[in-house]
N, C-alpha and C. Protein backbone atom coordinates (compact mmCIF):
# COMPACT_ATOMS: atom_id res chain seq x y z
N MET A 1 -15.35 150.90 10.63
CA MET A 1 -15.68 149.66 9.66
C MET A 1 -17.20 149.24 9.80
N LYS A 2 -17.44 149.04 11.03
CA LYS A 2 -18.70 148.49 11.46
C LYS A 2 -19.83 149.51 11.02
N LYS A 3 -19.53 150.67 11.23
CA LYS A 3 -20.49 151.91 10.76
C LYS A 3 -20.80 151.61 9.30
N TRP A 4 -19.72 151.57 8.52
CA TRP A 4 -19.80 151.60 6.91
C TRP A 4 -20.59 150.11 6.47
N LEU A 5 -20.40 149.27 7.20
CA LEU A 5 -21.23 147.96 6.92
C LEU A 5 -22.64 148.22 7.08
N ILE A 6 -22.98 148.91 8.29
CA ILE A 6 -24.37 149.12 8.64
C ILE A 6 -24.93 149.99 7.48
N ILE A 7 -24.18 151.03 7.03
CA ILE A 7 -24.76 151.97 6.12
C ILE A 7 -24.89 151.20 4.72
N VAL A 8 -23.98 150.35 4.32
CA VAL A 8 -23.98 149.68 3.09
C VAL A 8 -25.43 148.70 3.17
N LEU A 9 -25.44 147.97 4.13
CA LEU A 9 -26.66 147.07 4.23
C LEU A 9 -27.93 147.66 4.22
N SER A 10 -27.88 148.91 5.02
CA SER A 10 -29.29 149.82 4.87
C SER A 10 -29.63 150.08 3.51
N LEU A 11 -28.56 150.59 2.80
CA LEU A 11 -28.76 151.12 1.34
C LEU A 11 -29.41 149.83 0.68
N VAL A 12 -28.75 148.79 0.98
CA VAL A 12 -29.18 147.68 -0.08
C VAL A 12 -30.64 147.18 0.31
N VAL A 13 -31.00 147.05 1.59
CA VAL A 13 -32.21 146.70 2.04
C VAL A 13 -33.25 147.50 1.71
N PHE A 14 -33.15 148.90 1.79
CA PHE A 14 -33.90 149.94 1.26
C PHE A 14 -34.07 150.12 -0.04
N SER A 15 -33.19 149.87 -0.73
CA SER A 15 -33.17 150.19 -2.22
C SER A 15 -33.98 148.77 -3.04
N VAL A 16 -34.07 147.75 -2.45
CA VAL A 16 -34.83 146.53 -3.05
C VAL A 16 -36.19 147.07 -3.24
N PRO A 17 -36.72 146.99 -4.37
CA PRO A 17 -38.12 147.35 -4.72
C PRO A 17 -39.03 146.37 -4.19
N VAL A 18 -40.13 146.78 -3.29
CA VAL A 18 -41.16 146.11 -2.88
C VAL A 18 -42.24 146.02 -3.90
N LYS A 19 -42.56 144.83 -4.34
CA LYS A 19 -43.62 144.83 -5.52
C LYS A 19 -44.96 144.37 -4.71
N ALA A 20 -46.05 144.94 -4.94
CA ALA A 20 -47.37 144.63 -4.49
C ALA A 20 -47.76 143.47 -5.14
N ASP A 21 -48.29 142.64 -4.45
CA ASP A 21 -49.05 141.48 -5.18
C ASP A 21 -50.14 141.75 -5.88
N ASP A 22 -50.21 141.46 -7.32
CA ASP A 22 -51.29 141.85 -8.13
C ASP A 22 -52.20 140.57 -8.15
N GLY A 23 -52.12 139.78 -7.36
CA GLY A 23 -53.05 138.48 -7.53
C GLY A 23 -52.36 137.41 -7.87
N LYS A 24 -52.57 136.21 -7.23
CA LYS A 24 -52.07 135.11 -7.55
C LYS A 24 -53.27 134.17 -7.72
N VAL A 25 -53.23 133.41 -8.85
CA VAL A 25 -54.34 132.53 -9.31
C VAL A 25 -53.95 131.20 -8.33
N ILE A 26 -55.25 130.86 -7.53
CA ILE A 26 -55.06 129.83 -6.64
C ILE A 26 -56.27 128.80 -6.85
N THR A 27 -56.29 127.59 -6.42
CA THR A 27 -57.49 126.88 -6.46
C THR A 27 -58.35 127.13 -5.10
N VAL A 28 -59.49 126.89 -5.21
CA VAL A 28 -60.47 127.20 -4.22
C VAL A 28 -60.15 126.46 -2.99
N ASN A 29 -59.53 125.24 -3.05
CA ASN A 29 -59.26 124.62 -1.90
C ASN A 29 -57.93 125.29 -1.16
N LYS A 30 -57.41 126.32 -1.68
CA LYS A 30 -56.43 127.10 -0.95
C LYS A 30 -56.86 128.27 -0.33
N MET A 31 -58.30 128.43 -0.57
CA MET A 31 -58.84 129.71 0.17
C MET A 31 -59.24 129.25 1.62
N PRO A 32 -59.44 130.18 2.41
CA PRO A 32 -59.95 129.90 3.97
C PRO A 32 -61.15 129.00 3.94
N GLN A 33 -61.33 128.29 4.99
CA GLN A 33 -62.32 127.20 5.15
C GLN A 33 -63.81 127.96 5.08
N ALA A 34 -63.71 129.15 5.81
CA ALA A 34 -65.19 129.82 5.74
C ALA A 34 -65.59 130.31 4.27
N ALA A 35 -64.61 130.79 3.53
CA ALA A 35 -65.11 131.07 2.08
C ALA A 35 -65.40 129.94 1.30
N GLN A 36 -64.78 128.77 1.52
CA GLN A 36 -65.31 127.57 0.80
C GLN A 36 -66.69 127.12 1.25
N GLU A 37 -66.76 127.12 2.59
CA GLU A 37 -68.16 126.66 3.11
C GLU A 37 -69.21 127.95 2.56
N PHE A 38 -69.05 129.16 2.42
CA PHE A 38 -69.70 130.07 1.90
C PHE A 38 -70.21 129.82 0.49
N MET A 39 -69.16 129.41 -0.35
CA MET A 39 -69.42 129.13 -1.69
C MET A 39 -70.24 127.79 -1.95
N ALA A 40 -69.91 126.77 -1.04
CA ALA A 40 -70.58 125.68 -1.07
C ALA A 40 -72.15 125.89 -0.74
N LYS A 41 -72.32 126.74 0.29
CA LYS A 41 -73.66 126.90 0.61
C LYS A 41 -74.73 127.73 -0.32
N TYR A 42 -74.07 128.79 -0.81
CA TYR A 42 -74.87 129.91 -1.51
C TYR A 42 -74.53 129.62 -3.02
N PHE A 43 -73.47 129.15 -3.60
CA PHE A 43 -73.08 128.96 -4.86
C PHE A 43 -72.82 127.53 -5.36
N SER A 44 -73.32 126.59 -4.97
CA SER A 44 -72.96 125.19 -5.13
C SER A 44 -73.30 125.04 -6.53
N GLY A 45 -72.69 124.14 -7.18
CA GLY A 45 -73.03 123.78 -8.57
C GLY A 45 -72.40 124.81 -9.50
N MET A 46 -72.10 125.87 -9.12
CA MET A 46 -71.62 126.91 -10.07
C MET A 46 -70.00 126.91 -10.39
N GLU A 47 -69.67 126.83 -11.60
CA GLU A 47 -68.27 126.44 -11.95
C GLU A 47 -67.43 127.82 -11.89
N VAL A 48 -66.28 127.68 -11.20
CA VAL A 48 -65.41 128.74 -10.81
C VAL A 48 -64.42 128.80 -12.09
N ALA A 49 -64.38 130.16 -12.48
CA ALA A 49 -63.56 130.60 -13.70
C ALA A 49 -62.20 130.75 -13.06
N VAL A 50 -62.18 131.55 -12.16
CA VAL A 50 -60.73 131.93 -11.63
C VAL A 50 -60.78 132.23 -10.10
N ALA A 51 -59.95 131.81 -9.28
CA ALA A 51 -59.95 132.31 -7.86
C ALA A 51 -58.58 132.90 -7.74
N LYS A 52 -58.51 133.98 -6.98
CA LYS A 52 -57.20 134.67 -6.79
C LYS A 52 -57.02 134.95 -5.30
N GLN A 53 -55.81 135.05 -4.91
CA GLN A 53 -55.26 135.53 -3.59
C GLN A 53 -54.70 136.88 -3.82
N GLU A 54 -55.02 138.03 -3.17
CA GLU A 54 -54.39 139.14 -3.24
C GLU A 54 -53.86 139.49 -2.05
N GLY A 55 -52.74 140.43 -2.11
CA GLY A 55 -52.17 141.00 -0.90
C GLY A 55 -51.11 140.07 -0.41
N ILE A 56 -50.51 140.43 0.56
CA ILE A 56 -49.48 139.57 1.04
C ILE A 56 -49.44 139.69 2.61
N PHE A 57 -48.85 138.67 3.20
CA PHE A 57 -48.54 138.66 4.85
C PHE A 57 -50.09 138.75 5.37
N TRP A 58 -50.15 139.77 6.24
CA TRP A 58 -51.45 139.79 7.13
C TRP A 58 -52.62 140.45 6.40
N ASP A 59 -52.36 140.98 5.21
CA ASP A 59 -53.52 141.66 4.64
C ASP A 59 -53.94 141.08 3.21
N LYS A 60 -54.30 139.84 3.40
CA LYS A 60 -54.66 139.10 2.34
C LYS A 60 -56.30 139.19 2.01
N SER A 61 -56.49 138.94 0.79
CA SER A 61 -58.00 138.78 0.41
C SER A 61 -58.01 137.88 -0.70
N TYR A 62 -59.41 137.47 -1.07
CA TYR A 62 -59.51 136.50 -2.06
C TYR A 62 -60.81 136.87 -2.89
N ASP A 63 -60.58 136.80 -4.19
CA ASP A 63 -61.52 137.04 -5.28
C ASP A 63 -61.77 135.58 -6.15
N VAL A 64 -63.07 135.53 -6.42
CA VAL A 64 -63.52 134.34 -7.06
C VAL A 64 -64.58 134.95 -8.22
N ILE A 65 -64.33 134.46 -9.26
CA ILE A 65 -65.21 134.86 -10.53
C ILE A 65 -65.72 133.47 -10.99
N PHE A 66 -67.05 133.51 -11.07
CA PHE A 66 -67.64 132.27 -11.80
C PHE A 66 -67.85 132.41 -13.22
N ASN A 67 -67.95 131.22 -13.97
CA ASN A 67 -68.24 131.25 -15.44
C ASN A 67 -69.62 132.15 -15.69
N ASN A 68 -70.47 132.19 -14.82
CA ASN A 68 -71.57 132.95 -15.24
C ASN A 68 -71.56 134.41 -14.80
N GLY A 69 -70.43 134.84 -14.45
CA GLY A 69 -70.26 136.24 -14.13
C GLY A 69 -70.36 136.76 -12.75
N ASN A 70 -70.77 135.93 -11.92
CA ASN A 70 -70.83 136.17 -10.46
C ASN A 70 -69.44 136.36 -9.87
N LYS A 71 -69.20 137.41 -9.07
CA LYS A 71 -68.09 137.63 -8.33
C LYS A 71 -68.21 137.67 -6.84
N LEU A 72 -67.25 137.11 -6.14
CA LEU A 72 -67.16 137.15 -4.66
C LEU A 72 -65.92 137.78 -4.05
N GLU A 73 -66.00 138.49 -3.06
CA GLU A 73 -64.79 138.90 -2.58
C GLU A 73 -64.71 138.50 -0.94
N PHE A 74 -63.70 138.04 -0.52
CA PHE A 74 -63.50 137.65 0.89
C PHE A 74 -62.38 138.25 1.56
N ASP A 75 -62.22 138.35 2.87
CA ASP A 75 -61.22 138.94 3.47
C ASP A 75 -60.13 137.82 3.70
N GLY A 76 -59.21 138.14 4.47
CA GLY A 76 -58.10 137.14 4.70
C GLY A 76 -58.59 135.81 5.50
N THR A 77 -59.64 136.15 6.60
CA THR A 77 -60.23 135.08 7.27
C THR A 77 -61.42 134.26 6.43
N GLY A 78 -61.73 134.67 5.22
CA GLY A 78 -62.68 134.03 4.57
C GLY A 78 -64.08 134.55 4.67
N ASP A 79 -64.18 135.81 5.43
CA ASP A 79 -65.66 136.36 5.65
C ASP A 79 -65.80 137.14 4.21
N TRP A 80 -67.06 136.97 3.92
CA TRP A 80 -67.43 137.64 2.55
C TRP A 80 -67.32 139.18 2.85
N LYS A 81 -66.89 139.96 1.69
CA LYS A 81 -66.92 141.27 1.67
C LYS A 81 -67.83 141.77 0.54
N SER A 82 -67.94 141.18 -0.41
CA SER A 82 -68.92 141.50 -1.64
C SER A 82 -69.32 140.43 -2.38
N VAL A 83 -70.68 140.43 -2.57
CA VAL A 83 -71.35 139.46 -3.49
C VAL A 83 -71.85 140.17 -4.82
N ASP A 84 -71.42 139.88 -6.07
CA ASP A 84 -71.76 140.47 -7.17
C ASP A 84 -72.42 139.65 -8.00
N CYS A 85 -73.83 139.65 -8.15
CA CYS A 85 -74.36 138.66 -8.98
C CYS A 85 -75.00 139.43 -10.26
N LYS A 86 -74.37 139.43 -11.39
CA LYS A 86 -74.59 140.01 -12.65
C LYS A 86 -76.17 139.82 -13.21
N PHE A 87 -76.33 138.49 -13.19
CA PHE A 87 -77.60 138.09 -13.87
C PHE A 87 -78.62 137.37 -13.12
N ALA A 88 -78.48 137.48 -11.77
CA ALA A 88 -79.09 136.88 -10.65
C ALA A 88 -79.35 137.68 -9.51
N SER A 89 -80.11 137.24 -8.61
CA SER A 89 -80.04 137.99 -7.52
C SER A 89 -79.25 137.49 -6.15
N VAL A 90 -78.81 138.35 -5.36
CA VAL A 90 -77.94 137.94 -4.34
C VAL A 90 -78.77 137.07 -3.32
N PRO A 91 -78.26 135.99 -2.68
CA PRO A 91 -79.02 135.16 -2.00
C PRO A 91 -79.61 135.93 -0.82
N GLU A 92 -81.00 135.57 -0.49
CA GLU A 92 -81.64 136.40 0.36
C GLU A 92 -81.14 136.48 1.60
N GLU A 93 -80.63 135.30 2.15
CA GLU A 93 -80.15 135.16 3.41
C GLU A 93 -78.92 135.96 3.83
N LEU A 94 -78.17 136.71 2.89
CA LEU A 94 -77.09 137.54 3.01
C LEU A 94 -77.59 138.90 3.42
N VAL A 95 -78.87 139.29 3.05
CA VAL A 95 -79.16 140.57 3.39
C VAL A 95 -80.08 140.67 4.65
N PRO A 96 -79.48 141.39 5.58
CA PRO A 96 -80.11 141.54 6.83
C PRO A 96 -81.66 141.95 6.83
N ALA A 97 -82.36 141.54 7.77
CA ALA A 97 -83.90 141.52 7.75
C ALA A 97 -84.44 143.04 7.48
N PRO A 98 -83.75 144.01 8.39
CA PRO A 98 -84.32 145.30 8.25
C PRO A 98 -83.97 145.88 6.92
N VAL A 99 -82.91 145.77 6.37
CA VAL A 99 -82.51 146.05 4.90
C VAL A 99 -83.63 145.47 3.99
N ALA A 100 -83.74 144.27 3.90
CA ALA A 100 -84.47 143.45 3.10
C ALA A 100 -86.02 144.18 3.03
N GLY A 101 -86.59 144.38 4.24
CA GLY A 101 -87.85 144.84 4.56
C GLY A 101 -87.86 146.27 4.00
N TYR A 102 -86.95 147.02 4.12
CA TYR A 102 -87.01 148.33 3.61
C TYR A 102 -86.78 148.39 2.11
N ILE A 103 -86.04 147.57 1.53
CA ILE A 103 -86.13 147.34 -0.08
C ILE A 103 -87.30 146.68 -0.42
N LYS A 104 -88.06 145.82 0.24
CA LYS A 104 -89.37 145.33 -0.25
C LYS A 104 -90.46 146.45 -0.26
N GLY A 105 -90.33 147.25 0.79
CA GLY A 105 -91.38 148.22 1.11
C GLY A 105 -91.21 149.48 0.05
N LYS A 106 -89.95 149.83 -0.19
CA LYS A 106 -89.83 151.07 -0.99
C LYS A 106 -89.44 150.83 -2.62
N PHE A 107 -88.87 149.51 -2.85
CA PHE A 107 -88.64 149.15 -4.18
C PHE A 107 -89.38 147.67 -4.53
N PRO A 108 -90.48 147.59 -4.44
CA PRO A 108 -91.22 146.30 -4.67
C PRO A 108 -90.84 145.66 -5.89
N GLY A 109 -90.39 144.57 -6.00
CA GLY A 109 -90.31 143.75 -7.40
C GLY A 109 -88.70 143.93 -7.65
N ALA A 110 -87.97 144.84 -6.99
CA ALA A 110 -86.54 145.05 -7.40
C ALA A 110 -85.63 143.89 -6.80
N ARG A 111 -84.80 143.42 -7.69
CA ARG A 111 -83.58 142.46 -7.41
C ARG A 111 -82.37 143.06 -6.92
N ILE A 112 -81.87 142.39 -5.82
CA ILE A 112 -80.42 143.01 -5.37
C ILE A 112 -79.39 142.19 -6.08
N LEU A 113 -78.65 142.99 -6.91
CA LEU A 113 -77.45 142.43 -7.61
C LEU A 113 -76.33 142.49 -7.17
N LYS A 114 -76.04 143.34 -5.94
CA LYS A 114 -74.69 143.34 -5.51
C LYS A 114 -74.89 143.81 -4.01
N ILE A 115 -74.07 143.24 -3.09
CA ILE A 115 -74.09 143.80 -1.67
C ILE A 115 -72.54 143.57 -1.20
N GLU A 116 -72.14 144.74 -0.71
CA GLU A 116 -70.94 144.97 -0.26
C GLU A 116 -70.88 145.47 1.20
N LYS A 117 -69.92 144.90 2.25
CA LYS A 117 -70.08 145.23 3.59
C LYS A 117 -68.63 145.49 3.90
N ASP A 118 -68.57 146.48 4.92
CA ASP A 118 -67.41 146.59 5.61
C ASP A 118 -67.65 147.10 7.08
N GLU A 119 -66.83 147.39 7.79
CA GLU A 119 -66.84 147.64 9.25
C GLU A 119 -67.87 148.88 9.50
N ARG A 120 -68.18 149.80 8.59
CA ARG A 120 -68.91 150.93 8.84
C ARG A 120 -70.37 150.83 8.09
N SER A 121 -70.36 150.20 6.88
CA SER A 121 -71.68 150.19 6.07
C SER A 121 -71.83 148.86 5.35
N LEU A 122 -73.23 149.02 4.82
CA LEU A 122 -73.65 148.02 3.93
C LEU A 122 -74.03 148.69 2.53
N ASP A 123 -73.48 148.40 1.45
CA ASP A 123 -73.80 149.02 0.11
C ASP A 123 -74.77 147.91 -0.50
N ILE A 124 -75.82 148.37 -1.15
CA ILE A 124 -76.50 147.52 -1.94
C ILE A 124 -76.87 148.04 -3.35
N GLU A 125 -76.77 147.24 -4.27
CA GLU A 125 -77.14 147.77 -5.84
C GLU A 125 -78.34 147.09 -6.37
N LEU A 126 -79.59 147.61 -6.68
CA LEU A 126 -80.65 147.03 -7.32
C LEU A 126 -80.70 147.11 -8.81
N ASP A 127 -81.43 146.17 -9.25
CA ASP A 127 -81.50 145.98 -10.80
C ASP A 127 -82.30 147.17 -11.41
N ASN A 128 -82.67 148.15 -10.70
CA ASN A 128 -83.48 149.24 -11.18
C ASN A 128 -82.42 150.44 -11.31
N GLY A 129 -81.09 150.24 -11.04
CA GLY A 129 -80.14 151.33 -10.93
C GLY A 129 -79.91 152.15 -9.86
N THR A 130 -80.72 151.73 -8.75
CA THR A 130 -80.69 152.37 -7.40
C THR A 130 -79.47 151.78 -6.39
N ASP A 131 -78.74 152.70 -5.77
CA ASP A 131 -77.80 152.24 -5.07
C ASP A 131 -78.07 152.84 -3.67
N LEU A 132 -78.10 151.91 -2.63
CA LEU A 132 -78.66 152.18 -1.34
C LEU A 132 -77.16 152.10 -0.35
N GLU A 133 -77.07 152.95 0.70
CA GLU A 133 -75.98 152.62 1.64
C GLU A 133 -76.86 152.55 2.98
N PHE A 134 -76.38 151.61 3.71
CA PHE A 134 -76.95 151.69 5.23
C PHE A 134 -75.70 151.64 6.15
N ASN A 135 -76.04 152.24 7.35
CA ASN A 135 -74.83 152.28 8.29
C ASN A 135 -74.88 150.84 9.08
N ARG A 136 -74.19 150.77 10.15
CA ARG A 136 -74.01 149.76 10.78
C ARG A 136 -75.21 149.23 11.62
N THR A 137 -76.19 150.05 11.86
CA THR A 137 -77.59 149.77 12.26
C THR A 137 -78.62 149.64 11.43
N PHE A 138 -78.24 149.58 10.26
CA PHE A 138 -79.07 149.28 9.11
C PHE A 138 -80.02 150.42 8.74
N GLU A 139 -79.77 151.60 9.10
CA GLU A 139 -80.41 152.86 8.78
C GLU A 139 -79.89 153.28 7.44
N LEU A 140 -80.70 153.80 6.53
CA LEU A 140 -80.44 154.32 5.18
C LEU A 140 -79.65 155.79 5.40
N VAL A 141 -78.51 155.74 4.83
CA VAL A 141 -77.66 156.95 5.03
C VAL A 141 -77.46 157.42 3.45
N GLU A 142 -77.54 156.90 2.39
CA GLU A 142 -77.54 157.69 1.27
C GLU A 142 -78.29 156.74 0.04
N LEU A 143 -78.93 157.37 -0.84
CA LEU A 143 -79.71 156.62 -1.85
C LEU A 143 -79.25 157.44 -3.14
N ASP A 144 -78.74 156.66 -4.15
CA ASP A 144 -78.30 157.31 -5.43
C ASP A 144 -79.06 156.41 -6.38
N ARG A 145 -79.61 157.19 -7.61
CA ARG A 145 -80.18 156.45 -8.80
C ARG A 145 -79.43 156.92 -9.95
N ASP A 146 -79.14 155.73 -10.83
CA ASP A 146 -78.46 156.01 -12.16
C ASP A 146 -79.33 156.94 -13.08
């Protein structure tokens, strides 16, 4: 009898569909403190159109879209992952000095529209259609032009 109960319970538990979180709309004050401080420092005065929490449990991330089209992505701790400025430049302070120097030397006058980082690389998109990828030590590893 005990064996059948375990089998039935196992079937019930494993047959319940697990739905991935497609993103829950939240207010900015529900985001991690680091993300709030980042937005206050670099994007103060910009009106948030929508803020979303994605993922569940330990794998959360946050997305923010401003009314002007700028988009930010943060990891679960509030550290920025991506800054996408459609009609403006990414704040200069977010670009590591070696990368900024490379871009100023090779692409004078180009504006950085998007910057993305992860544990392995830093990706940059310029307003002239050039995409650059740098490794963790800020050496260029890939260059692509549209």
